[in-house]
Protein backbone atom coordinates (compact mmCIF):
# COMPACT_ATOMS: atom_id res chain seq x y z
CA UNK A 1 -3.03 98.14 180.64
CA UNK A 2 -0.11 98.31 178.25
CA UNK A 3 3.17 99.47 179.69
CA UNK A 4 4.29 102.91 178.63
CA UNK A 5 7.38 102.87 176.41
CA UNK A 6 10.54 103.88 178.17
CA UNK A 7 11.83 107.35 177.43
CA UNK A 8 14.99 107.44 175.37
CA UNK A 9 17.53 109.77 176.91
CA UNK A 10 19.44 111.62 174.19
CA UNK A 11 23.21 111.31 174.40
CA UNK A 12 24.83 114.20 176.23
CA UNK A 13 26.61 116.73 174.12
CA UNK A 14 30.32 117.24 174.61
CA UNK A 15 31.86 120.73 174.78
CA UNK A 16 33.13 120.14 171.24
CA UNK A 17 29.62 119.31 170.00
CA UNK A 18 28.26 122.48 171.60
CA UNK A 19 31.03 124.57 170.06
CA UNK A 20 30.28 123.15 166.61
CA UNK A 21 26.63 124.11 167.12
CA UNK A 22 27.66 127.64 168.07
CA UNK A 23 29.82 127.89 164.96
CA UNK A 24 26.95 126.82 162.70
CA UNK A 25 24.72 129.39 164.43
CA UNK A 26 27.38 132.00 163.65
CA UNK A 27 27.32 130.93 160.01
CA UNK A 28 23.55 131.42 159.93
CA UNK A 29 23.88 134.81 161.64
CA UNK A 30 26.38 135.89 158.95
CA UNK A 31 23.72 135.26 156.33
CA UNK A 32 25.18 132.15 154.70
CA UNK A 33 22.59 130.25 152.71
CA UNK A 34 20.79 127.34 154.31
CA UNK A 35 22.02 124.98 151.61
CA UNK A 36 25.65 125.96 152.15
CA UNK A 37 25.39 125.45 155.91
CA UNK A 38 23.51 122.13 155.77
CA UNK A 39 25.25 120.49 152.82
CA UNK A 40 28.76 121.82 153.43
CA UNK A 41 29.73 123.01 156.92
CA UNK A 42 27.19 121.04 158.94
CA UNK A 43 27.82 117.80 157.07
CA UNK A 44 31.61 118.08 157.32
CA UNK A 45 31.56 118.89 161.03
CA UNK A 46 28.60 116.90 162.35
CA UNK A 47 28.70 113.86 160.08
CA UNK A 48 32.44 113.49 159.49
CA UNK A 49 34.54 115.33 162.09
CA UNK A 50 32.43 115.02 165.27
CA UNK A 51 31.86 111.23 164.96
CA UNK A 52 35.60 110.67 164.49
CA UNK A 53 36.33 112.78 167.57
CA UNK A 54 33.74 110.84 169.59
CA UNK A 55 35.24 107.52 168.49
CA UNK A 56 38.64 108.74 169.67
CA UNK A 57 37.28 110.14 172.96
CA UNK A 58 38.04 113.74 172.03
CA UNK A 59 35.49 115.97 173.74
CA UNK A 60 37.04 119.43 173.78
CA UNK A 61 38.62 121.66 171.14
CA UNK A 62 41.70 122.09 173.32
CA UNK A 63 42.50 118.39 172.77
CA UNK A 64 42.94 118.88 169.03
CA UNK A 65 46.72 118.89 168.85
CA UNK A 66 48.60 118.70 165.57
CA UNK A 67 49.14 114.97 166.03
CA UNK A 68 45.44 114.41 166.61
CA UNK A 69 44.49 116.44 163.53
CA UNK A 70 47.07 114.59 161.44
CA UNK A 71 45.43 111.32 162.51
CA UNK A 72 42.06 112.71 161.42
CA UNK A 73 43.46 113.67 158.02
CA UNK A 74 45.04 110.22 157.61
CA UNK A 75 41.71 108.65 158.54
CA UNK A 76 40.00 110.50 155.68
CA UNK A 77 42.54 109.22 153.17
CA UNK A 78 42.41 105.63 154.43
CA UNK A 79 38.79 104.97 155.45
CA UNK A 80 36.95 108.26 155.78
CA UNK A 81 33.95 107.38 153.63
CA UNK A 82 30.64 106.28 155.14
CA UNK A 83 31.29 102.74 153.91
CA UNK A 84 34.83 102.78 155.23
CA UNK A 85 36.31 103.37 151.79
CA UNK A 86 39.17 105.84 151.23
CA UNK A 87 38.22 109.35 150.21
CA UNK A 88 39.68 111.22 147.27
CA UNK A 89 42.04 114.13 147.83
CA UNK A 90 39.39 116.58 146.60
CA UNK A 91 36.71 115.27 149.00
CA UNK A 92 39.19 115.16 151.88
CA UNK A 93 40.30 118.69 151.02
CA UNK A 94 36.71 119.91 151.36
CA UNK A 95 36.18 118.32 154.79
CA UNK A 96 39.56 119.49 156.08
CA UNK A 97 38.98 123.04 154.85
CA UNK A 98 35.70 123.22 156.76
CA UNK A 99 37.39 121.95 159.93
CA UNK A 100 40.12 124.59 159.54
CA UNK A 101 37.49 127.32 159.20
CA UNK A 102 35.76 126.07 162.35
CA UNK A 103 39.03 126.06 164.31
CA UNK A 104 39.92 129.54 163.05
CA UNK A 105 36.54 130.79 164.28
CA UNK A 106 37.01 129.09 167.68
CA UNK A 107 40.41 130.74 168.08
CA UNK A 108 39.02 134.19 167.23
CA UNK A 109 36.21 133.62 169.73
CA UNK A 110 38.80 133.19 172.46
CA UNK A 111 38.31 129.46 172.97
CA UNK A 112 41.21 127.59 174.54
CA UNK A 113 42.68 125.92 171.47
CA UNK A 114 46.06 124.47 170.61
CA UNK A 115 46.34 126.69 167.49
CA UNK A 116 46.91 123.50 165.51
CA UNK A 117 45.32 123.19 162.08
CA UNK A 118 44.76 120.13 159.90
CA UNK A 119 47.05 120.08 156.88
CA UNK A 120 45.38 120.63 153.52
CA UNK A 121 46.45 118.18 150.81
CA UNK A 122 47.90 119.57 147.61
CA UNK A 123 45.48 119.18 144.74
CA UNK A 124 46.21 118.67 141.05
CA UNK A 125 45.01 121.64 139.06
CA UNK A 126 41.80 120.75 137.30
CA UNK A 127 41.12 122.03 133.81
CA UNK A 128 37.35 122.11 133.63
CA UNK A 129 35.68 121.41 130.34
CA UNK A 130 33.61 124.14 128.70
CA UNK A 131 31.15 124.40 125.84
CA UNK A 132 31.93 126.47 122.76
CA UNK A 133 29.40 129.02 121.54
CA UNK A 134 28.61 126.67 118.65
CA UNK A 135 27.89 123.81 121.05
CA UNK A 136 25.62 126.06 123.09
CA UNK A 137 23.74 126.97 119.89
CA UNK A 138 23.40 123.25 119.15
CA UNK A 139 22.05 122.68 122.65
CA UNK A 140 19.45 125.42 122.24
CA UNK A 141 18.59 124.18 118.75
CA UNK A 142 17.81 120.72 120.15
CA UNK A 143 15.31 122.16 122.63
CA UNK A 144 11.70 121.41 121.58
CA UNK A 145 10.02 124.30 123.45
CA UNK A 146 10.68 127.99 124.04
CA UNK A 147 10.90 127.28 127.77
CA UNK A 148 13.79 124.87 127.24
CA UNK A 149 15.51 127.20 124.77
CA UNK A 150 15.33 130.08 127.26
CA UNK A 151 16.74 127.92 130.04
CA UNK A 152 19.79 127.13 127.90
CA UNK A 153 20.25 130.72 126.76
CA UNK A 154 19.87 132.32 130.20
CA UNK A 155 22.35 129.90 131.76
CA UNK A 156 24.79 130.34 128.88
CA UNK A 157 24.53 134.13 128.48
CA UNK A 158 24.02 135.12 132.11
CA UNK A 159 26.19 132.66 134.01
CA UNK A 160 23.44 131.95 136.54
CA UNK A 161 23.59 129.11 139.05
CA UNK A 162 20.88 126.53 138.51
CA UNK A 163 19.16 127.47 141.79
CA UNK A 164 19.12 131.11 140.71
CA UNK A 165 17.52 130.16 137.40
CA UNK A 166 14.78 128.16 139.13
CA UNK A 167 14.11 131.08 141.51
CA UNK A 168 13.49 133.60 138.71
CA UNK A 169 10.09 135.28 138.88
CA UNK A 170 7.90 136.66 136.15
CA UNK A 171 8.66 140.28 137.12
CA UNK A 172 12.43 139.81 137.39
CA UNK A 173 13.17 141.14 133.89
CA UNK A 174 13.41 144.93 134.12
CA UNK A 175 14.17 147.68 131.66
CA UNK A 176 17.05 150.10 132.08
CA UNK A 177 18.12 153.22 130.21
CA UNK A 178 20.81 151.30 128.36
CA UNK A 179 19.08 147.95 128.06
CA UNK A 180 17.51 145.16 130.11
CA UNK A 181 18.51 143.59 133.42
CA UNK A 182 17.61 140.35 135.12
CA UNK A 183 17.14 140.45 138.90
CA UNK A 184 18.86 137.37 140.34
CA UNK A 185 18.69 136.06 143.92
CA UNK A 186 22.01 134.47 144.78
CA UNK A 187 23.51 132.76 147.79
CA UNK A 188 22.43 134.19 151.11
CA UNK A 189 19.42 135.82 149.35
CA UNK A 190 21.73 138.48 147.96
CA UNK A 191 20.26 140.16 144.90
CA UNK A 192 22.20 141.31 141.87
CA UNK A 193 21.37 142.61 138.40
CA UNK A 194 22.62 140.69 135.38
CA UNK A 195 22.68 142.47 131.99
CA UNK A 196 20.59 140.79 129.29
CA UNK A 197 20.78 141.25 125.52
CA UNK A 198 17.70 143.10 124.14
CA UNK A 199 16.69 140.14 121.98
CA UNK A 200 16.82 137.75 124.93
CA UNK A 201 14.93 140.24 127.12
CA UNK A 202 12.09 140.38 124.58
CA UNK A 203 11.93 136.60 124.48
CA UNK A 204 11.73 136.40 128.28
CA UNK A 205 8.99 139.04 128.42
CA UNK A 206 7.01 137.29 125.71
CA UNK A 207 7.41 133.93 127.46
CA UNK A 208 6.32 135.38 130.83
CA UNK A 209 3.22 136.89 129.23
CA UNK A 210 1.94 133.52 128.03
CA UNK A 211 2.88 131.58 131.16
CA UNK A 212 0.19 129.01 132.22
CA UNK A 213 -2.57 130.74 134.19
CA UNK A 214 -2.80 127.89 136.71
CA UNK A 215 0.93 127.75 137.44
CA UNK A 216 1.86 127.56 141.13
CA UNK A 217 3.33 130.79 142.49
CA UNK A 218 5.06 133.42 140.38
CA UNK A 219 8.10 131.48 139.17
CA UNK A 220 9.11 132.13 135.57
CA UNK A 221 9.87 128.49 134.78
CA UNK A 222 7.42 125.74 135.68
CA UNK A 223 7.15 122.05 134.82
CA UNK A 224 5.63 121.03 131.51
CA UNK A 225 3.24 118.60 133.19
CA UNK A 226 0.66 119.24 135.85
CA UNK A 227 1.47 118.13 139.39
CA UNK A 228 -0.73 116.20 141.78
CA UNK A 229 -2.72 119.30 142.61
CA UNK A 230 -3.58 119.83 138.96
CA UNK A 231 -1.32 122.86 138.60
CA UNK A 232 2.08 123.46 137.03
CA UNK A 233 4.70 123.32 139.79
CA UNK A 234 7.92 125.40 139.77
CA UNK A 235 10.80 123.82 137.90
CA UNK A 236 13.36 122.13 140.15
CA UNK A 237 17.14 122.10 139.92
CA UNK A 238 17.13 118.35 139.29
CA UNK A 239 14.64 118.94 136.49
CA UNK A 240 17.02 121.40 134.82
CA UNK A 241 19.88 118.93 135.10
CA UNK A 242 17.81 116.18 133.52
CA UNK A 243 16.69 118.56 130.77
CA UNK A 244 20.26 119.50 129.84
CA UNK A 245 21.38 115.88 129.72
CA UNK A 246 18.50 115.09 127.39
CA UNK A 247 19.25 118.08 125.14
CA UNK A 248 22.94 117.15 124.98
CA UNK A 249 21.99 113.67 123.80
CA UNK A 250 19.61 115.06 121.18
CA UNK A 251 22.25 117.56 120.01
CA UNK A 252 24.85 114.81 119.65
CA UNK A 253 27.24 116.32 122.20
CA UNK A 254 29.65 113.87 123.81
CA UNK A 255 30.56 116.16 126.73
CA UNK A 256 28.84 115.70 130.08
CA UNK A 257 26.50 118.69 130.07
CA UNK A 258 25.18 120.03 133.37
CA UNK A 259 24.00 123.49 134.55
CA UNK A 260 27.32 124.53 136.11
CA UNK A 261 29.14 123.72 132.88
CA UNK A 262 27.19 126.54 131.19
CA UNK A 263 28.23 128.88 134.02
CA UNK A 264 31.90 127.98 133.54
CA UNK A 265 31.51 128.35 129.78
CA UNK A 266 30.05 131.84 130.21
CA UNK A 267 32.90 132.94 132.49
CA UNK A 268 35.55 131.53 130.18
CA UNK A 269 34.08 133.21 127.10
CA UNK A 270 33.76 136.52 128.95
CA UNK A 271 37.44 136.46 129.91
CA UNK A 272 38.49 135.47 126.41
CA UNK A 273 36.65 138.50 125.08
CA UNK A 274 38.43 140.78 127.52
CA UNK A 275 35.87 141.37 130.27
CA UNK A 276 37.29 142.86 133.46
CA UNK A 277 37.55 139.99 136.02
CA UNK A 278 36.13 142.21 138.77
CA UNK A 279 33.06 143.01 136.67
CA UNK A 280 32.70 139.34 135.80
CA UNK A 281 32.81 138.40 139.48
CA UNK A 282 30.00 140.89 140.16
CA UNK A 283 27.85 139.43 137.38
CA UNK A 284 28.47 135.90 138.64
CA UNK A 285 27.65 136.88 142.23
CA UNK A 286 31.10 136.22 143.69
CA UNK A 287 32.57 138.30 146.50
CA UNK A 288 36.14 137.47 145.43
CA UNK A 289 38.18 136.33 142.46
CA UNK A 290 38.91 132.74 143.54
CA UNK A 291 36.54 131.20 141.00
CA UNK A 292 37.74 133.59 138.31
CA UNK A 293 41.30 132.44 138.91
CA UNK A 294 40.22 128.83 138.40
CA UNK A 295 38.60 129.78 135.11
CA UNK A 296 41.89 131.23 133.90
CA UNK A 297 43.26 127.67 133.84
CA UNK A 298 41.12 127.09 130.72
CA UNK A 299 42.84 129.88 128.85
CA UNK A 300 45.84 128.96 126.73
CA UNK A 301 48.78 130.90 125.36
CA UNK A 302 46.81 131.99 122.30
CA UNK A 303 44.10 133.49 124.52
CA UNK A 304 46.74 135.43 126.48
CA UNK A 305 48.34 136.67 123.24
CA UNK A 306 45.00 137.80 121.79
CA UNK A 307 44.10 139.64 125.01
CA UNK A 308 47.50 141.39 125.02
CA UNK A 309 47.12 142.46 121.39
CA UNK A 310 43.66 143.90 122.08
CA UNK A 311 45.08 145.92 124.95
CA UNK A 312 48.04 147.25 122.92
CA UNK A 313 45.81 148.06 119.96
CA UNK A 314 43.89 150.50 122.14
CA UNK A 315 46.98 152.72 122.61
């Protein structure tokens, strides 16, 4: 009779590990999206911060003095990558920011902490590239199908995130007294209504009407080839990224085109044309103006002058 395999006893959790788990549970309870929790907070704390603490025999949040946290920050700069390679300031900034948020939460929860916080590195201000309206027209013109053209136009004229685009359903285009609206499901399953030009609304309605009958589910955009089950599966975010790279090549664009670039381009154009930043934040699905402020870095002196002249001309 074969011997039964020995049971593997899982490593015991430290008080710090348990507290990190409680913090992530709090994030879920607040309604943060699963992707944000898993790919941002959970990764930074469980895959980066907790292993470093374990290696340095730090088991409780009260042991995180300023000197200890400074050593953690230095570790990120020097050998914080999974391969032991140094991390960039931007990547380190992300991990450190998540640790700071965790420690702030622990302090508010009444945990015995040292009130120390890891120091955030100063970051050079990035000026993100954007596409002009002409380049967006070129991108749409290079699209071989109406599905691909609509993907470009909805991203460019609505400022949707790529995940929001892929989640669109057939019935999400609705009519309003003053026009058409697109129901969008954003982060944390929060819904918002995005205004759509009448011409684009008609195109979406016409496209939805002739959607493949054997498409899986009720998603608006599906793949152009049948899946293993013989049906058309919903379009994925990676599929949209690949599509845009292909269209950029066909259109002869030298910029690196990706879904979020169209979102930034939309926001930049909206601000250049004088849209209220608060209204823009609502359309984009942001609860604050942090992203809007980063978009302002694209705008030059001429843009500021033109905006000022439009305002004065209204007097």
